[in-house]
Amino acid sequence: MADDSVVDHRVSGAAAQPRIAVLVPCYNEEAAIARVVRSFREALPGADVYVYDNNSTDRTCEVAAAAGAIVRTESQQGKGYVVRRMFADVEADVYVLVDGDDTYHAASAPGLIQRLIDGPLDMVNGARISGDKVRHRPGHQFGNRLLSGLVGWIFGDRFRDMLSGFKVFSRRYVKSFPALSAGFEIETELTVHALELAMPVAEVDTPYSDRAEGTVSKLNTLRDGFRILRTIAVFIKEERPLQFFSALAGVFAVTSVVLAWPVVATYLETGLVPRLPTFVLATGLMLMAALSFTAGLILDTVTRGRRESKRMRYLNISATTGAGPVH
């Protein structure tokens, strides 16, 4: 693997243009993938367009290759696995990640990339702005607002459309991203990674359209929404352990007090403990509260050290720069 400092030196010259890679994860997108590849090749003539097929049962690979894409495959099923493979394999200075369903506006890509370079930023999110004729699935809209709001409340309110499939990244973002998710929850992980390391980011409105005729969404509102919610809970536990375990400690402590209060009141009046099992349970819950709070304190120290290590790895890679308009 090339040394990062060498790569960054190559793109930092006054006349240099950054190397751009368009990354398209795909599963059964035969009807749309040719238009996606052609539109991004037209919008970004100097970019390499990579289509990573995820066990499609149709002609996605053949159609993408015929349209001029570099086609590769990932056998482990799930968008998270595909993104992990793309980020590991592809070498570039700027990465454009876009779904292969032809719903995103390729002509917006140069503007998003220019915003990233001029910052310089590490992530630009394409917030979806749809016209009146676009058919929305109410569950998707509500879930997106709910999950984006939840992540914003906990980790920082920087994005209003966290689940957008159109994002632009710097090299130092991509090469410092752990990519641990398996499915559509990868969008949440991408957002939390940027927020946790306090990366410079932005969100730009981009047009959004209906899926192409003959294609269907791979996103299941309930199943994938639950998986994303579960992923958020895991991130809270791992990235905010003191708050997470303090909340658990609070629940245990309050429950303990509620159970113990009648027993204590009876003891003060009569000198007897008629419900000994209840008192034992209340005592155990209070001990669990103390243990949970202690675990939160310890894990918070561990998390801080891990975050510092991730931050140092991120800072070892120089910011993406370029000269003039992107083309």
Protein backbone atom coordinates (compact mmCIF):
# COMPACT_ATOMS: atom_id res chain seq x y z
CA MET A 1 0.00 0.00 0.00
CA ALA A 2 1.33 3.44 -0.96
CA ASP A 3 2.48 5.72 1.80
CA ASP A 4 -0.19 8.29 2.59
CA SER A 5 2.25 11.17 2.69
CA VAL A 6 3.45 10.32 -0.82
CA VAL A 7 -0.11 10.19 -2.14
CA ASP A 8 -1.11 13.42 -0.47
CA HIS A 9 2.03 15.20 -1.72
CA ARG A 10 1.08 14.19 -5.23
CA VAL A 11 -2.36 15.82 -5.01
CA SER A 12 -1.31 18.96 -3.16
CA GLY A 13 0.52 20.65 -5.98
CA ALA A 14 -0.79 23.88 -7.45
CA ALA A 15 -1.84 22.26 -10.76
CA ALA A 16 -2.84 18.83 -9.50
CA GLN A 17 -6.35 17.42 -9.76
CA PRO A 18 -7.46 14.90 -7.15
CA ARG A 19 -8.08 11.33 -8.21
CA ILE A 20 -11.80 10.67 -7.94
CA ALA A 21 -13.45 7.27 -7.52
CA VAL A 22 -17.19 6.76 -7.81
CA LEU A 23 -18.23 3.75 -5.72
CA VAL A 24 -21.54 2.07 -6.55
CA PRO A 25 -22.70 -0.87 -4.38
CA CYS A 26 -25.22 -2.96 -6.33
CA TYR A 27 -27.65 -5.80 -5.92
CA ASN A 28 -30.01 -6.66 -8.80
CA GLU A 29 -29.93 -3.23 -10.46
CA GLU A 30 -29.85 -4.37 -14.10
CA ALA A 31 -32.57 -1.88 -15.10
CA ALA A 32 -30.84 1.16 -13.60
CA ILE A 33 -27.09 0.60 -13.40
CA ALA A 34 -26.26 1.60 -16.98
CA ARG A 35 -27.82 5.04 -16.50
CA VAL A 36 -26.00 5.47 -13.18
CA VAL A 37 -22.62 4.63 -14.72
CA ARG A 38 -23.15 6.80 -17.81
CA SER A 39 -24.45 9.79 -15.85
CA PHE A 40 -21.50 9.79 -13.43
CA ARG A 41 -18.98 9.30 -16.23
CA GLU A 42 -20.53 12.31 -17.94
CA ALA A 43 -20.58 14.43 -14.77
CA LEU A 44 -17.05 13.39 -13.74
CA PRO A 45 -15.11 12.53 -16.93
CA GLY A 46 -11.83 12.08 -15.07
CA ALA A 47 -13.21 9.72 -12.43
CA ASP A 48 -13.08 5.94 -12.23
CA VAL A 49 -16.52 4.39 -11.72
CA TYR A 50 -16.46 1.18 -9.67
CA VAL A 51 -19.51 -1.06 -9.48
CA TYR A 52 -19.32 -3.66 -6.71
CA ASP A 53 -21.89 -6.39 -7.26
CA ASN A 54 -23.30 -8.15 -4.21
CA ASN A 55 -24.47 -11.56 -5.52
CA SER A 56 -26.93 -10.22 -8.09
CA THR A 57 -29.08 -12.80 -9.85
CA ASP A 58 -29.66 -10.63 -12.92
CA ARG A 59 -27.28 -9.08 -15.49
CA THR A 60 -26.08 -6.19 -13.32
CA CYS A 61 -22.40 -7.02 -13.84
CA GLU A 62 -22.63 -7.34 -17.63
CA VAL A 63 -24.67 -4.17 -18.03
CA ALA A 64 -22.37 -2.15 -15.77
CA ALA A 65 -19.25 -3.32 -17.60
CA ALA A 66 -20.80 -2.49 -20.97
CA ALA A 67 -21.55 1.02 -19.71
CA GLY A 68 -17.88 1.54 -18.86
CA ALA A 69 -17.64 0.71 -15.16
CA ILE A 70 -14.90 -1.22 -13.41
CA VAL A 71 -16.86 -4.18 -12.07
CA ARG A 72 -15.88 -6.12 -8.95
CA THR A 73 -17.77 -8.43 -6.61
CA GLU A 74 -18.33 -8.96 -2.88
CA SER A 75 -19.70 -12.36 -1.85
CA GLN A 76 -20.79 -11.51 1.72
CA GLN A 77 -24.36 -10.27 1.49
CA GLY A 78 -25.06 -6.78 2.81
CA LYS A 79 -24.28 -3.17 1.91
CA GLY A 80 -21.95 -2.85 4.89
CA TYR A 81 -19.74 -5.65 3.59
CA VAL A 82 -19.65 -4.03 0.16
CA VAL A 83 -18.66 -0.61 1.51
CA ARG A 84 -15.96 -2.24 3.64
CA ARG A 85 -14.52 -3.96 0.57
CA MET A 86 -14.69 -0.83 -1.60
CA PHE A 87 -12.97 1.36 0.99
CA ALA A 88 -10.22 -1.24 1.42
CA ASP A 89 -9.59 -1.93 -2.28
CA VAL A 90 -9.92 1.41 -4.06
CA GLU A 91 -7.17 4.02 -3.95
CA ALA A 92 -8.17 7.62 -4.63
CA ASP A 93 -8.13 11.10 -3.13
CA VAL A 94 -11.89 11.70 -3.24
CA TYR A 95 -14.57 9.01 -2.98
CA VAL A 96 -18.15 9.43 -4.19
CA LEU A 97 -20.45 6.79 -2.69
CA VAL A 98 -23.82 6.46 -4.43
CA ASP A 99 -26.55 3.84 -4.64
CA GLY A 100 -27.06 2.07 -7.96
CA ASP A 101 -30.81 2.69 -8.24
CA ASP A 102 -30.60 5.86 -10.39
CA THR A 103 -32.42 8.03 -7.84
CA TYR A 104 -29.52 10.42 -7.14
CA HIS A 105 -28.50 13.42 -9.24
CA ALA A 106 -25.12 12.74 -10.82
CA ALA A 107 -24.76 16.34 -12.02
CA SER A 108 -24.56 17.41 -8.34
CA ALA A 109 -21.39 15.37 -7.78
CA PRO A 110 -18.87 18.02 -8.98
CA GLY A 111 -20.40 20.57 -6.60
CA LEU A 112 -20.24 18.20 -3.65
CA ILE A 113 -16.62 17.34 -4.46
CA GLN A 114 -15.67 21.01 -4.83
CA ARG A 115 -17.25 21.73 -1.45
CA LEU A 116 -15.17 18.92 0.07
CA ILE A 117 -11.92 20.19 -1.46
CA ASP A 118 -12.49 23.89 -0.77
CA GLY A 119 -13.17 23.22 2.90
CA PRO A 120 -11.15 21.15 3.10
CA LEU A 121 -13.76 18.77 4.51
CA ASP A 122 -13.81 15.05 5.13
CA MET A 123 -17.45 14.29 4.37
CA VAL A 124 -20.21 15.97 2.38
CA ASN A 125 -23.67 14.44 2.66
CA GLY A 126 -26.12 14.81 -0.22
CA ALA A 127 -29.43 15.64 1.48
CA ARG A 128 -32.32 14.45 -0.68
CA ILE A 129 -34.70 17.09 -2.02
CA SER A 130 -37.48 15.49 -4.06
CA GLY A 131 -40.04 16.98 -6.41
CA ASP A 132 -43.80 16.80 -6.02
CA LYS A 133 -44.07 13.80 -8.36
CA VAL A 134 -41.76 11.57 -6.36
CA ARG A 135 -43.60 8.78 -4.57
CA HIS A 136 -42.53 8.49 -0.93
CA ARG A 137 -42.95 5.54 1.39
CA PRO A 138 -44.27 7.13 4.61
CA GLY A 139 -42.46 4.60 6.77
CA HIS A 140 -39.14 5.48 5.17
CA GLN A 141 -39.64 9.22 5.67
CA PHE A 142 -40.71 8.88 9.30
CA GLY A 143 -37.92 6.41 10.08
CA ASN A 144 -35.29 8.64 8.47
CA ARG A 145 -36.41 11.68 10.46
CA LEU A 146 -36.60 9.67 13.68
CA LEU A 147 -33.20 8.00 13.31
CA SER A 148 -31.44 11.12 12.02
CA GLY A 149 -32.88 13.10 14.93
CA LEU A 150 -31.83 10.46 17.45
CA VAL A 151 -28.24 10.38 16.17
CA GLY A 152 -28.17 14.18 16.09
CA TRP A 153 -29.40 14.41 19.67
CA ILE A 154 -26.80 11.96 20.97
CA PHE A 155 -23.73 12.53 18.78
CA GLY A 156 -24.21 16.02 17.32
CA ASP A 157 -26.81 17.63 15.08
CA ARG A 158 -24.86 18.00 11.81
CA PHE A 159 -27.02 16.06 9.32
CA ARG A 160 -30.76 16.04 8.70
CA ASP A 161 -30.69 13.21 6.11
CA MET A 162 -28.37 10.66 7.68
CA LEU A 163 -29.65 7.76 5.55
CA SER A 164 -28.93 9.38 2.18
CA GLY A 165 -27.05 7.05 -0.15
CA PHE A 166 -25.14 9.91 -1.82
CA LYS A 167 -22.00 10.95 0.06
CA VAL A 168 -18.53 12.29 -0.77
CA PHE A 169 -15.50 11.45 1.37
CA SER A 170 -11.86 12.43 1.64
CA ARG A 171 -9.12 9.85 1.56
CA ARG A 172 -8.34 10.33 5.23
CA TYR A 173 -11.96 9.61 6.12
CA VAL A 174 -12.09 6.41 4.06
CA LYS A 175 -8.76 5.02 5.23
CA SER A 176 -9.56 5.67 8.90
CA PHE A 177 -13.08 4.22 8.75
CA PRO A 178 -13.40 0.83 10.55
CA ALA A 179 -16.54 -0.32 8.63
CA LEU A 180 -17.98 -2.81 11.13
CA SER A 181 -21.62 -2.87 9.97
CA ALA A 182 -23.04 -5.56 7.69
CA GLY A 183 -26.19 -4.09 6.13
CA PHE A 184 -27.99 -0.78 5.61
CA GLU A 185 -26.97 0.33 9.09
CA ILE A 186 -23.64 1.27 7.45
CA GLU A 187 -25.15 4.73 6.80
CA THR A 188 -25.43 5.26 10.56
CA GLU A 189 -21.86 4.11 11.12
CA LEU A 190 -20.58 6.48 8.41
CA THR A 191 -22.28 9.39 10.18
CA VAL A 192 -21.22 8.48 13.72
CA HIS A 193 -17.59 8.01 12.63
CA ALA A 194 -17.45 11.60 11.35
CA LEU A 195 -19.21 13.02 14.40
CA GLU A 196 -17.14 11.10 16.95
CA LEU A 197 -13.84 12.29 15.49
CA ALA A 198 -15.16 15.86 15.12
CA MET A 199 -14.36 15.85 11.40
CA PRO A 200 -15.16 18.90 9.28
CA VAL A 201 -18.36 17.97 7.43
CA ALA A 202 -21.15 19.59 5.44
CA GLU A 203 -24.55 18.75 4.01
CA VAL A 204 -25.67 19.94 0.57
CA ASP A 205 -29.16 19.66 -0.92
CA THR A 206 -29.34 17.42 -4.00
CA PRO A 207 -32.28 16.47 -6.23
CA TYR A 208 -33.82 13.05 -5.68
CA SER A 209 -36.06 11.10 -8.08
CA ASP A 210 -38.13 7.92 -8.23
CA ARG A 211 -36.51 4.55 -8.82
CA ALA A 212 -36.29 3.34 -12.39
CA GLU A 213 -39.17 1.29 -13.76
CA GLY A 214 -38.70 -2.41 -13.16
CA THR A 215 -36.62 -1.99 -9.99
CA VAL A 216 -37.61 -2.36 -6.35
CA SER A 217 -36.10 -1.02 -3.14
CA LYS A 218 -33.95 -3.46 -1.17
CA LEU A 219 -34.70 -1.58 2.07
CA ASN A 220 -37.31 -3.14 4.35
CA THR A 221 -38.82 -0.40 6.52
CA LEU A 222 -39.39 -2.43 9.68
CA ARG A 223 -36.52 -4.91 9.49
CA ASP A 224 -33.81 -2.46 8.48
CA GLY A 225 -35.24 0.30 10.68
CA PHE A 226 -34.96 -2.03 13.68
CA ARG A 227 -31.39 -2.96 12.68
CA ILE A 228 -30.44 0.72 12.40
CA LEU A 229 -32.03 1.46 15.78
CA ARG A 230 -30.12 -1.46 17.29
CA THR A 231 -26.91 -0.14 15.73
CA ILE A 232 -27.52 3.27 17.29
CA ALA A 233 -27.97 1.60 20.69
CA VAL A 234 -24.68 -0.27 20.23
CA PHE A 235 -22.90 2.95 19.28
CA ILE A 236 -24.27 4.65 22.39
CA LYS A 237 -22.95 1.79 24.53
CA GLU A 238 -19.54 1.85 22.84
CA GLU A 239 -19.05 5.57 22.27
CA ARG A 240 -20.98 6.98 25.24
CA PRO A 241 -20.49 4.25 27.89
CA LEU A 242 -20.72 6.59 30.90
CA GLN A 243 -24.11 7.91 29.81
CA PHE A 244 -25.33 4.44 28.80
CA PHE A 245 -24.36 2.66 32.01
CA SER A 246 -25.35 5.65 34.16
CA ALA A 247 -28.85 5.41 32.66
CA LEU A 248 -28.92 1.69 33.51
CA ALA A 249 -27.68 2.48 37.01
CA GLY A 250 -30.46 5.02 37.40
CA VAL A 251 -33.11 2.48 36.37
CA PHE A 252 -31.74 -0.10 38.80
CA ALA A 253 -31.48 2.42 41.63
CA VAL A 254 -35.00 3.81 41.20
CA THR A 255 -36.47 0.29 40.98
CA SER A 256 -34.56 -0.67 44.12
CA VAL A 257 -35.89 2.32 46.06
CA VAL A 258 -39.47 1.68 44.92
CA LEU A 259 -39.29 -1.96 46.05
CA ALA A 260 -37.45 -1.25 49.31
CA TRP A 261 -39.49 1.73 50.52
CA PRO A 262 -42.56 -0.23 51.79
CA VAL A 263 -40.30 -2.78 53.46
CA VAL A 264 -38.28 -0.07 55.21
CA ALA A 265 -41.45 1.75 56.25
CA THR A 266 -42.86 -1.43 57.76
CA TYR A 267 -39.58 -2.10 59.57
CA LEU A 268 -39.55 1.41 61.06
CA GLU A 269 -43.12 0.94 62.34
CA THR A 270 -42.97 -2.65 63.61
CA GLY A 271 -39.29 -3.59 63.77
CA LEU A 272 -40.05 -6.55 61.47
CA VAL A 273 -39.11 -7.39 57.87
CA PRO A 274 -42.14 -9.33 56.62
CA ARG A 275 -41.07 -9.39 52.94
CA LEU A 276 -37.45 -10.49 53.13
CA PRO A 277 -37.21 -11.67 49.46
CA THR A 278 -38.34 -8.21 48.27
CA PHE A 279 -35.73 -6.55 50.44
CA VAL A 280 -33.03 -8.92 49.12
CA LEU A 281 -34.10 -8.11 45.55
CA ALA A 282 -33.98 -4.37 46.26
CA THR A 283 -30.49 -4.75 47.76
CA GLY A 284 -29.31 -6.69 44.69
CA LEU A 285 -30.68 -4.04 42.33
CA MET A 286 -28.85 -1.30 44.23
CA LEU A 287 -25.63 -3.30 43.98
CA MET A 288 -26.22 -3.67 40.22
CA ALA A 289 -26.70 0.10 40.01
CA ALA A 290 -23.34 0.66 41.68
CA LEU A 291 -21.65 -1.88 39.41
CA SER A 292 -23.20 -0.35 36.28
CA PHE A 293 -22.02 3.13 37.19
CA THR A 294 -18.50 1.81 37.94
CA ALA A 295 -18.43 -0.04 34.62
CA GLY A 296 -19.44 3.18 32.86
CA LEU A 297 -16.56 5.08 34.47
CA ILE A 298 -14.01 2.43 33.47
CA LEU A 299 -15.31 2.01 29.93
CA ASP A 300 -15.43 5.77 29.44
CA THR A 301 -11.67 5.89 30.04
CA VAL A 302 -11.14 3.01 27.59
CA THR A 303 -13.32 4.69 24.97
CA ARG A 304 -11.44 7.96 25.32
CA GLY A 305 -8.14 6.16 24.67
CA ARG A 306 -9.59 4.33 21.67
CA ARG A 307 -10.98 7.59 20.27
CA GLU A 308 -7.58 9.23 20.65
CA SER A 309 -5.96 6.36 18.72
CA LYS A 310 -8.52 6.68 15.92
CA ARG A 311 -8.00 10.42 15.84
CA MET A 312 -4.23 10.04 15.54
CA ARG A 313 -4.64 7.57 12.67
CA TYR A 314 -6.98 10.02 10.96
CA LEU A 315 -4.55 12.92 11.42
CA ASN A 316 -1.69 10.91 9.89
CA ILE A 317 -3.39 11.32 6.50
CA SER A 318 -3.29 14.80 5.01
CA ALA A 319 -6.41 16.62 3.87
CA THR A 320 -7.48 16.31 0.24
CA THR A 321 -6.65 19.39 -1.80
CA GLY A 322 -6.89 20.32 -5.45
CA ALA A 323 -6.67 23.27 -7.81
CA GLY A 324 -9.41 24.78 -9.90
CA PRO A 325 -12.85 23.37 -10.65
CA VAL A 326 -13.38 19.62 -10.45
CA HIS A 327 -13.71 17.89 -13.79
